[in-house]
Amino acid sequence: MKSFNIRYIDPNTNREVLELEVPANQLVDRDGETWYDYDGDYGQELRRFVEVITATQCDTTAKASYMERFGTASE
C-alpha cells in the first residue's frame, strides 16, 4: 500500500505538523484538494478532516531492504 509524508495544521494546537508514513486510505480528494482523516479509525461518530499542505510519497524500498537484511527490532 502507498504511504505519504504529509504536512498539515493540527486542529488541537494550530501548529504545523509533519506526519510520516500515512496510509493512502486516510487521504481524501475533495474538489482537487487533499484532506487527511485526522481521527482515522478510532470509531468516532464525528470525524475531523484537515487540509493537507504538502504530501510526498514515501520510498519504502530502503526500509524494506534494511528489514530484509537485519530483521526487525523485535526478533
Protein backbone atom coordinates (compact mmCIF):
# COMPACT_ATOMS: atom_id res chain seq x y z
CA MET A 1 0.00 0.00 0.00
CA LYS A 2 1.19 3.50 -0.75
CA SER A 3 2.09 5.80 2.09
CA PHE A 4 2.81 9.51 2.23
CA ASN A 5 4.67 12.02 4.37
CA ILE A 6 2.20 14.84 4.89
CA ARG A 7 2.26 18.31 6.44
CA TYR A 8 -0.91 19.86 7.90
CA ILE A 9 -2.15 22.22 10.63
CA ASP A 10 -3.09 20.31 13.79
CA PRO A 11 -6.66 21.27 14.79
CA ASN A 12 -5.87 20.94 18.51
CA THR A 13 -2.71 23.08 18.70
CA ASN A 14 -2.93 25.16 15.48
CA ARG A 15 0.67 24.23 14.72
CA GLU A 16 2.13 22.76 11.55
CA VAL A 17 2.77 19.02 11.88
CA LEU A 18 4.76 16.57 9.77
CA GLU A 19 3.17 13.11 9.84
CA LEU A 20 5.31 10.27 8.46
CA GLU A 21 4.10 7.21 6.53
CA VAL A 22 0.39 7.99 6.45
CA PRO A 23 -1.51 5.25 4.58
CA ALA A 24 -3.15 6.38 1.34
CA ASN A 25 -6.58 5.26 2.58
CA GLN A 26 -6.52 8.11 5.16
CA LEU A 27 -6.19 10.75 2.44
CA VAL A 28 -9.29 12.02 0.67
CA ASP A 29 -9.56 14.11 -2.50
CA ARG A 30 -12.21 16.85 -2.31
CA ASP A 31 -12.52 19.11 -5.33
CA GLY A 32 -8.85 18.71 -6.24
CA GLU A 33 -7.56 19.31 -2.71
CA THR A 34 -6.14 16.63 -0.46
CA TRP A 35 -7.61 16.19 3.03
CA TYR A 36 -6.33 14.00 5.87
CA ASP A 37 -8.69 11.91 8.01
CA TYR A 38 -7.32 13.23 11.30
CA ASP A 39 -9.29 10.93 13.60
CA GLY A 40 -8.62 7.86 11.46
CA ASP A 41 -10.11 4.55 12.51
CA TYR A 42 -10.84 5.39 16.12
CA GLY A 43 -14.57 4.74 15.68
CA GLN A 44 -15.72 8.26 16.42
CA GLU A 45 -19.05 9.40 15.05
CA LEU A 46 -17.82 12.86 14.15
CA ARG A 47 -14.54 12.51 12.29
CA ARG A 48 -12.38 15.55 11.60
CA PHE A 49 -10.68 16.15 8.27
CA VAL A 50 -7.82 18.63 7.92
CA GLU A 51 -6.44 20.09 4.71
CA VAL A 52 -3.03 18.81 3.69
CA ILE A 53 -0.37 21.43 2.96
CA THR A 54 2.12 19.06 1.28
CA ALA A 55 2.11 15.34 0.55
CA THR A 56 5.09 13.38 -0.77
CA GLN A 57 5.03 9.69 -1.47
CA CYS A 58 7.34 7.58 0.73
CA ASP A 59 10.08 5.48 -0.79
CA THR A 60 9.86 2.24 1.17
CA THR A 61 12.49 0.29 -0.78
CA ALA A 62 15.31 1.36 1.55
CA LYS A 63 13.28 0.41 4.62
CA ALA A 64 12.29 -2.94 3.12
CA SER A 65 15.87 -3.82 2.18
CA TYR A 66 17.05 -2.90 5.69
CA MET A 67 14.41 -5.14 7.28
CA GLU A 68 15.28 -7.96 4.88
CA ARG A 69 18.95 -7.73 5.76
CA PHE A 70 18.86 -7.07 9.51
CA GLY A 71 15.35 -8.16 10.53
CA THR A 72 13.02 -6.25 12.83
CA ALA A 73 13.76 -4.90 16.28
CA SER A 74 11.50 -7.50 17.93
CA GLU A 75 13.34 -10.53 16.56
